[in-house]
Amino acid sequence: MFQNLRFPHSSPKYFTSEIRHNIKCIHSKKRLLKRHYSSSLAHKVQIMESELQQRIKNAQITYINSLISSFSSKPRSLYSHLSHLKRSSSLPCILKHEDKTTSHPLGKAILFNNYFNSVFTLSDFILPPRYALSSNTFITT
């Protein structure tokens, strides 16, 4: 229902004080929702989250445009940003598929493999049983 809006302790350079404030407001409203659920507050949080996502997207676009426009005078800024993007992981810390959950890299690979096999495998192809895969110890149910 709600998107995960957790960010590392140091926020991205394009986060404005308004964006940081909105994140804190949403977190506090979610804590309130956990204690005292109301559909109107849940709806309000949903709206706040979608508005925040739009603000973040706009701030990121503005930041990248400023890096590009200042490239001739400060090329290091753009290169630094691109280098940072290459270092960051695009996979979540914990991965879930069906009833399986894992945080281990090998377990993630197995979950992706299971997912793609379920989507792209021909119906007459038979996968080996799960107990035959020695790396299932990294996946929890």
N, C-alpha and C. Protein backbone atom coordinates (compact mmCIF):
# COMPACT_ATOMS: atom_id res chain seq x y z
N MET A 1 0.82 -1.18 0.00
CA MET A 1 0.00 0.00 0.00
C MET A 1 0.87 1.25 0.00
N PHE A 2 1.81 1.36 0.96
CA PHE A 2 2.66 2.54 1.03
C PHE A 2 4.03 2.21 0.49
N GLN A 3 4.64 3.17 -0.15
CA GLN A 3 5.98 2.97 -0.69
C GLN A 3 7.00 3.15 0.42
N ASN A 4 8.11 2.49 0.26
CA ASN A 4 9.18 2.63 1.24
C ASN A 4 9.97 3.88 0.92
N LEU A 5 9.95 4.86 1.82
CA LEU A 5 10.63 6.12 1.58
C LEU A 5 11.88 6.27 2.44
N ARG A 6 12.51 5.17 2.78
CA ARG A 6 13.71 5.25 3.60
C ARG A 6 14.90 5.57 2.72
N PHE A 7 15.70 6.49 3.19
CA PHE A 7 16.88 6.90 2.47
C PHE A 7 18.08 6.75 3.40
N PRO A 8 19.27 6.66 2.82
CA PRO A 8 20.46 6.57 3.67
C PRO A 8 20.57 7.80 4.57
N HIS A 9 21.43 7.71 5.59
CA HIS A 9 21.56 8.82 6.53
C HIS A 9 21.93 10.12 5.83
N SER A 10 22.77 10.04 4.84
CA SER A 10 23.06 11.25 4.07
C SER A 10 22.17 11.23 2.83
N SER A 11 21.35 12.22 2.73
CA SER A 11 20.39 12.25 1.63
C SER A 11 21.08 12.71 0.35
N PRO A 12 20.47 12.43 -0.81
CA PRO A 12 21.05 12.86 -2.08
C PRO A 12 21.20 14.38 -2.12
N LYS A 13 22.14 14.84 -2.94
CA LYS A 13 22.44 16.27 -3.02
C LYS A 13 21.25 17.10 -3.48
N TYR A 14 20.35 16.50 -4.24
CA TYR A 14 19.23 17.26 -4.77
C TYR A 14 18.05 17.35 -3.79
N PHE A 15 18.16 16.74 -2.62
CA PHE A 15 17.09 16.85 -1.63
C PHE A 15 17.12 18.24 -1.02
N THR A 16 16.01 18.92 -1.13
CA THR A 16 15.89 20.24 -0.51
C THR A 16 15.45 20.08 0.93
N SER A 17 15.49 21.17 1.68
CA SER A 17 15.01 21.11 3.07
C SER A 17 13.52 20.79 3.10
N GLU A 18 12.78 21.24 2.09
CA GLU A 18 11.36 20.94 2.01
C GLU A 18 11.12 19.44 1.82
N ILE A 19 11.92 18.81 0.98
CA ILE A 19 11.79 17.37 0.75
C ILE A 19 12.11 16.61 2.03
N ARG A 20 13.19 16.98 2.72
CA ARG A 20 13.54 16.31 3.98
C ARG A 20 12.43 16.48 5.01
N HIS A 21 11.87 17.67 5.07
CA HIS A 21 10.77 17.93 6.00
C HIS A 21 9.56 17.07 5.66
N ASN A 22 9.23 16.97 4.37
CA ASN A 22 8.09 16.15 3.96
C ASN A 22 8.29 14.68 4.30
N ILE A 23 9.51 14.20 4.15
CA ILE A 23 9.81 12.81 4.50
C ILE A 23 9.55 12.58 5.99
N LYS A 24 10.02 13.52 6.81
CA LYS A 24 9.81 13.39 8.26
C LYS A 24 8.33 13.44 8.60
N CYS A 25 7.58 14.31 7.94
CA CYS A 25 6.13 14.40 8.19
C CYS A 25 5.44 13.09 7.83
N ILE A 26 5.81 12.51 6.71
CA ILE A 26 5.19 11.25 6.29
C ILE A 26 5.53 10.15 7.28
N HIS A 27 6.78 10.09 7.73
CA HIS A 27 7.15 9.07 8.71
C HIS A 27 6.35 9.21 10.00
N SER A 28 6.17 10.44 10.46
CA SER A 28 5.41 10.62 11.70
C SER A 28 3.93 10.27 11.49
N LYS A 29 3.38 10.60 10.33
CA LYS A 29 1.98 10.22 10.06
C LYS A 29 1.83 8.71 9.97
N LYS A 30 2.83 8.03 9.42
CA LYS A 30 2.78 6.56 9.35
C LYS A 30 2.84 5.94 10.74
N ARG A 31 3.68 6.53 11.62
CA ARG A 31 3.72 6.03 13.00
C ARG A 31 2.36 6.22 13.67
N LEU A 32 1.74 7.36 13.42
CA LEU A 32 0.41 7.62 13.96
C LEU A 32 -0.61 6.63 13.41
N LEU A 33 -0.49 6.33 12.12
CA LEU A 33 -1.39 5.36 11.49
C LEU A 33 -1.26 3.98 12.12
N LYS A 34 -0.03 3.59 12.47
CA LYS A 34 0.16 2.29 13.08
C LYS A 34 -0.53 2.20 14.44
N ARG A 35 -0.51 3.31 15.17
CA ARG A 35 -1.15 3.32 16.49
C ARG A 35 -2.67 3.49 16.40
N HIS A 36 -3.13 4.38 15.54
CA HIS A 36 -4.56 4.69 15.43
C HIS A 36 -4.93 4.78 13.95
N TYR A 37 -5.33 3.66 13.37
CA TYR A 37 -5.64 3.65 11.94
C TYR A 37 -6.93 4.40 11.65
N SER A 38 -6.89 5.21 10.61
CA SER A 38 -8.11 5.83 10.08
C SER A 38 -7.95 5.91 8.56
N SER A 39 -9.02 5.63 7.85
CA SER A 39 -8.94 5.62 6.40
C SER A 39 -8.65 7.01 5.83
N SER A 40 -9.15 8.04 6.49
CA SER A 40 -8.89 9.40 6.00
C SER A 40 -7.40 9.76 6.13
N LEU A 41 -6.78 9.35 7.25
CA LEU A 41 -5.36 9.61 7.42
C LEU A 41 -4.55 8.77 6.45
N ALA A 42 -4.97 7.53 6.22
CA ALA A 42 -4.27 6.67 5.26
C ALA A 42 -4.32 7.29 3.87
N HIS A 43 -5.47 7.83 3.51
CA HIS A 43 -5.61 8.48 2.21
C HIS A 43 -4.72 9.73 2.13
N LYS A 44 -4.69 10.49 3.21
CA LYS A 44 -3.86 11.69 3.24
C LYS A 44 -2.38 11.33 3.09
N VAL A 45 -1.94 10.24 3.75
CA VAL A 45 -0.55 9.80 3.64
C VAL A 45 -0.24 9.38 2.21
N GLN A 46 -1.19 8.69 1.58
CA GLN A 46 -1.00 8.29 0.19
C GLN A 46 -0.79 9.50 -0.72
N ILE A 47 -1.61 10.51 -0.53
CA ILE A 47 -1.50 11.74 -1.32
C ILE A 47 -0.16 12.43 -1.04
N MET A 48 0.22 12.49 0.23
CA MET A 48 1.49 13.12 0.60
C MET A 48 2.67 12.38 -0.04
N GLU A 49 2.59 11.04 -0.05
CA GLU A 49 3.67 10.25 -0.66
C GLU A 49 3.77 10.48 -2.16
N SER A 50 2.63 10.53 -2.83
CA SER A 50 2.68 10.74 -4.28
C SER A 50 3.19 12.15 -4.60
N GLU A 51 2.80 13.14 -3.81
CA GLU A 51 3.31 14.50 -4.01
C GLU A 51 4.81 14.56 -3.74
N LEU A 52 5.25 13.84 -2.70
CA LEU A 52 6.67 13.81 -2.38
C LEU A 52 7.47 13.14 -3.50
N GLN A 53 6.95 12.06 -4.03
CA GLN A 53 7.64 11.39 -5.13
C GLN A 53 7.80 12.34 -6.31
N GLN A 54 6.78 13.13 -6.59
CA GLN A 54 6.86 14.10 -7.69
C GLN A 54 7.89 15.19 -7.38
N ARG A 55 7.91 15.66 -6.12
CA ARG A 55 8.90 16.68 -5.73
C ARG A 55 10.32 16.14 -5.88
N ILE A 56 10.51 14.89 -5.45
CA ILE A 56 11.84 14.27 -5.54
C ILE A 56 12.24 14.16 -7.01
N LYS A 57 11.32 13.71 -7.84
CA LYS A 57 11.61 13.57 -9.27
C LYS A 57 11.97 14.91 -9.89
N ASN A 58 11.20 15.95 -9.57
CA ASN A 58 11.48 17.29 -10.10
C ASN A 58 12.82 17.82 -9.60
N ALA A 59 13.12 17.60 -8.32
CA ALA A 59 14.38 18.06 -7.76
C ALA A 59 15.56 17.35 -8.41
N GLN A 60 15.40 16.06 -8.68
CA GLN A 60 16.46 15.30 -9.33
C GLN A 60 16.69 15.81 -10.75
N ILE A 61 15.61 16.06 -11.47
CA ILE A 61 15.72 16.59 -12.84
C ILE A 61 16.42 17.95 -12.83
N THR A 62 16.03 18.81 -11.90
CA THR A 62 16.64 20.13 -11.79
C THR A 62 18.13 20.02 -11.48
N TYR A 63 18.47 19.10 -10.55
CA TYR A 63 19.87 18.90 -10.17
C TYR A 63 20.70 18.41 -11.36
N ILE A 64 20.18 17.42 -12.07
CA ILE A 64 20.91 16.87 -13.22
C ILE A 64 21.05 17.93 -14.32
N ASN A 65 19.99 18.69 -14.55
CA ASN A 65 20.07 19.77 -15.55
C ASN A 65 21.13 20.80 -15.16
N SER A 66 21.24 21.11 -13.87
CA SER A 66 22.26 22.07 -13.44
C SER A 66 23.66 21.49 -13.62
N LEU A 67 23.81 20.18 -13.39
CA LEU A 67 25.12 19.54 -13.62
C LEU A 67 25.49 19.60 -15.10
N ILE A 68 24.51 19.36 -15.95
CA ILE A 68 24.77 19.36 -17.39
C ILE A 68 25.07 20.78 -17.88
N SER A 69 24.31 21.75 -17.40
CA SER A 69 24.53 23.13 -17.87
C SER A 69 25.86 23.69 -17.38
N SER A 70 26.35 23.22 -16.24
CA SER A 70 27.63 23.72 -15.73
C SER A 70 28.79 22.80 -16.11
N PHE A 71 28.54 21.87 -17.01
CA PHE A 71 29.58 20.90 -17.37
C PHE A 71 30.83 21.55 -17.95
N SER A 72 30.66 22.57 -18.77
CA SER A 72 31.83 23.20 -19.40
C SER A 72 32.73 23.88 -18.37
N SER A 73 32.15 24.44 -17.33
CA SER A 73 32.97 25.11 -16.31
C SER A 73 33.36 24.19 -15.15
N LYS A 74 32.48 23.19 -14.84
CA LYS A 74 32.76 22.27 -13.73
C LYS A 74 32.46 20.83 -14.15
N PRO A 75 33.28 20.24 -15.00
CA PRO A 75 33.00 18.87 -15.45
C PRO A 75 33.10 17.84 -14.34
N ARG A 76 33.91 18.14 -13.32
CA ARG A 76 34.10 17.19 -12.22
C ARG A 76 32.79 16.87 -11.49
N SER A 77 31.89 17.83 -11.39
CA SER A 77 30.61 17.61 -10.69
C SER A 77 29.79 16.52 -11.37
N LEU A 78 29.70 16.58 -12.68
CA LEU A 78 28.93 15.58 -13.42
C LEU A 78 29.60 14.22 -13.34
N TYR A 79 30.93 14.20 -13.50
CA TYR A 79 31.65 12.93 -13.41
C TYR A 79 31.51 12.31 -12.02
N SER A 80 31.54 13.13 -11.02
CA SER A 80 31.37 12.65 -9.64
C SER A 80 29.98 12.04 -9.46
N HIS A 81 28.97 12.71 -9.99
CA HIS A 81 27.60 12.20 -9.89
C HIS A 81 27.46 10.86 -10.61
N LEU A 82 28.01 10.77 -11.80
CA LEU A 82 27.94 9.52 -12.56
C LEU A 82 28.71 8.40 -11.85
N SER A 83 29.83 8.72 -11.27
CA SER A 83 30.61 7.74 -10.53
C SER A 83 29.81 7.23 -9.33
N HIS A 84 29.14 8.14 -8.65
CA HIS A 84 28.32 7.74 -7.49
C HIS A 84 27.18 6.82 -7.93
N LEU A 85 26.58 7.10 -9.07
CA LEU A 85 25.49 6.25 -9.57
C LEU A 85 25.99 4.84 -9.88
N LYS A 86 27.19 4.74 -10.41
CA LYS A 86 27.74 3.43 -10.74
C LYS A 86 28.05 2.61 -9.49
N ARG A 87 28.40 3.29 -8.39
CA ARG A 87 28.74 2.59 -7.14
C ARG A 87 27.51 2.09 -6.41
N SER A 88 26.41 2.79 -6.51
CA SER A 88 25.24 2.42 -5.72
C SER A 88 24.56 1.17 -6.30
N SER A 89 24.00 0.38 -5.41
CA SER A 89 23.34 -0.86 -5.81
C SER A 89 21.90 -0.57 -6.20
N SER A 90 21.46 -1.23 -7.25
CA SER A 90 20.08 -1.04 -7.66
C SER A 90 19.18 -2.15 -7.11
N LEU A 91 19.77 -3.10 -6.40
CA LEU A 91 18.98 -4.16 -5.77
C LEU A 91 18.63 -3.77 -4.35
N PRO A 92 17.44 -4.12 -3.89
CA PRO A 92 17.08 -3.83 -2.50
C PRO A 92 17.88 -4.71 -1.55
N CYS A 93 17.97 -4.28 -0.29
CA CYS A 93 18.70 -5.06 0.72
C CYS A 93 18.05 -6.42 0.94
N ILE A 94 16.72 -6.43 1.01
CA ILE A 94 15.98 -7.67 1.21
C ILE A 94 15.08 -7.87 0.00
N LEU A 95 15.11 -9.06 -0.55
CA LEU A 95 14.33 -9.37 -1.75
C LEU A 95 13.29 -10.42 -1.41
N LYS A 96 12.06 -10.23 -1.89
CA LYS A 96 10.96 -11.18 -1.66
C LYS A 96 10.41 -11.64 -2.99
N HIS A 97 10.09 -12.91 -3.05
CA HIS A 97 9.38 -13.48 -4.20
C HIS A 97 8.50 -14.59 -3.67
N GLU A 98 7.20 -14.43 -3.92
CA GLU A 98 6.20 -15.34 -3.38
C GLU A 98 6.35 -15.41 -1.87
N ASP A 99 6.63 -16.58 -1.30
CA ASP A 99 6.75 -16.68 0.16
C ASP A 99 8.20 -16.75 0.63
N LYS A 100 9.14 -16.46 -0.25
CA LYS A 100 10.57 -16.53 0.06
C LYS A 100 11.14 -15.13 0.27
N THR A 101 12.06 -15.02 1.22
CA THR A 101 12.72 -13.76 1.53
C THR A 101 14.21 -14.03 1.72
N THR A 102 15.05 -13.12 1.22
CA THR A 102 16.49 -13.27 1.40
C THR A 102 17.18 -11.92 1.39
N SER A 103 18.33 -11.87 2.08
CA SER A 103 19.17 -10.67 2.03
C SER A 103 20.56 -11.03 1.50
N HIS A 104 20.83 -12.29 1.30
CA HIS A 104 22.13 -12.76 0.83
C HIS A 104 22.20 -12.66 -0.69
N PRO A 105 23.34 -12.23 -1.26
CA PRO A 105 23.45 -12.09 -2.72
C PRO A 105 23.15 -13.37 -3.49
N LEU A 106 23.62 -14.50 -2.99
CA LEU A 106 23.34 -15.76 -3.68
C LEU A 106 21.85 -16.11 -3.61
N GLY A 107 21.25 -15.84 -2.48
CA GLY A 107 19.80 -16.06 -2.35
C GLY A 107 19.01 -15.19 -3.30
N LYS A 108 19.46 -13.94 -3.49
CA LYS A 108 18.79 -13.04 -4.44
C LYS A 108 18.89 -13.59 -5.86
N ALA A 109 20.08 -14.11 -6.18
CA ALA A 109 20.26 -14.69 -7.52
C ALA A 109 19.33 -15.86 -7.73
N ILE A 110 19.16 -16.68 -6.70
CA ILE A 110 18.27 -17.84 -6.81
C ILE A 110 16.82 -17.38 -6.97
N LEU A 111 16.42 -16.36 -6.19
CA LEU A 111 15.04 -15.86 -6.32
C LEU A 111 14.79 -15.28 -7.71
N PHE A 112 15.76 -14.52 -8.23
CA PHE A 112 15.60 -14.02 -9.59
C PHE A 112 15.52 -15.17 -10.59
N ASN A 113 16.36 -16.16 -10.40
CA ASN A 113 16.34 -17.32 -11.28
C ASN A 113 14.98 -18.02 -11.23
N ASN A 114 14.45 -18.21 -10.02
CA ASN A 114 13.14 -18.85 -9.88
C ASN A 114 12.06 -18.02 -10.56
N TYR A 115 12.13 -16.70 -10.38
CA TYR A 115 11.13 -15.83 -11.00
C TYR A 115 11.20 -15.92 -12.52
N PHE A 116 12.41 -15.76 -13.08
CA PHE A 116 12.52 -15.79 -14.54
C PHE A 116 12.19 -17.16 -15.11
N ASN A 117 12.52 -18.22 -14.36
CA ASN A 117 12.13 -19.55 -14.81
C ASN A 117 10.60 -19.70 -14.83
N SER A 118 9.94 -19.12 -13.85
CA SER A 118 8.48 -19.24 -13.81
C SER A 118 7.82 -18.43 -14.91
N VAL A 119 8.48 -17.39 -15.37
CA VAL A 119 7.90 -16.52 -16.39
C VAL A 119 8.25 -16.97 -17.80
N PHE A 120 9.51 -17.36 -18.01
CA PHE A 120 9.99 -17.60 -19.36
C PHE A 120 10.22 -19.07 -19.72
N THR A 121 9.97 -19.98 -18.83
CA THR A 121 10.23 -21.39 -19.11
C THR A 121 9.08 -22.00 -19.90
N LEU A 122 9.43 -22.82 -20.87
CA LEU A 122 8.41 -23.55 -21.62
C LEU A 122 7.74 -24.55 -20.69
N SER A 123 6.49 -24.86 -20.95
CA SER A 123 5.73 -25.72 -20.04
C SER A 123 6.24 -27.16 -20.02
N ASP A 124 6.92 -27.61 -21.08
CA ASP A 124 7.40 -28.99 -21.08
C ASP A 124 8.80 -29.12 -20.46
N PHE A 125 9.39 -28.03 -20.05
CA PHE A 125 10.70 -28.06 -19.43
C PHE A 125 10.54 -28.28 -17.94
N ILE A 126 11.31 -29.20 -17.36
CA ILE A 126 11.19 -29.53 -15.94
C ILE A 126 12.43 -29.02 -15.22
N LEU A 127 12.20 -28.20 -14.20
CA LEU A 127 13.30 -27.69 -13.38
C LEU A 127 13.73 -28.75 -12.38
N PRO A 128 14.98 -28.73 -11.95
CA PRO A 128 15.39 -29.66 -10.90
C PRO A 128 14.68 -29.31 -9.60
N PRO A 129 14.46 -30.29 -8.74
CA PRO A 129 13.78 -30.00 -7.47
C PRO A 129 14.62 -29.05 -6.61
N ARG A 130 13.95 -28.29 -5.75
CA ARG A 130 14.64 -27.30 -4.92
C ARG A 130 15.67 -27.93 -4.00
N TYR A 131 15.39 -29.13 -3.49
CA TYR A 131 16.34 -29.75 -2.57
C TYR A 131 17.65 -30.10 -3.28
N ALA A 132 17.63 -30.17 -4.60
CA ALA A 132 18.84 -30.47 -5.35
C ALA A 132 19.77 -29.26 -5.44
N LEU A 133 19.22 -28.07 -5.19
CA LEU A 133 20.03 -26.85 -5.22
C LEU A 133 20.65 -26.65 -3.84
N SER A 134 21.94 -26.74 -3.74
CA SER A 134 22.61 -26.64 -2.45
C SER A 134 22.54 -25.24 -1.85
N SER A 135 22.25 -24.22 -2.64
CA SER A 135 22.26 -22.85 -2.15
C SER A 135 20.93 -22.39 -1.57
N ASN A 136 19.96 -23.29 -1.42
CA ASN A 136 18.67 -22.91 -0.84
C ASN A 136 18.78 -22.51 0.62
N THR A 137 19.90 -22.75 1.24
CA THR A 137 20.06 -22.37 2.65
C THR A 137 20.07 -20.87 2.85
N PHE A 138 20.24 -20.11 1.78
CA PHE A 138 20.27 -18.65 1.90
C PHE A 138 18.89 -18.03 1.80
N ILE A 139 17.87 -18.82 1.54
CA ILE A 139 16.52 -18.30 1.39
C ILE A 139 15.68 -18.75 2.57
N THR A 140 14.93 -17.82 3.17
CA THR A 140 14.05 -18.17 4.27
C THR A 140 12.61 -18.08 3.83
N THR A 141 11.77 -18.82 4.46
CA THR A 141 10.36 -18.81 4.12
C THR A 141 9.58 -18.02 5.11
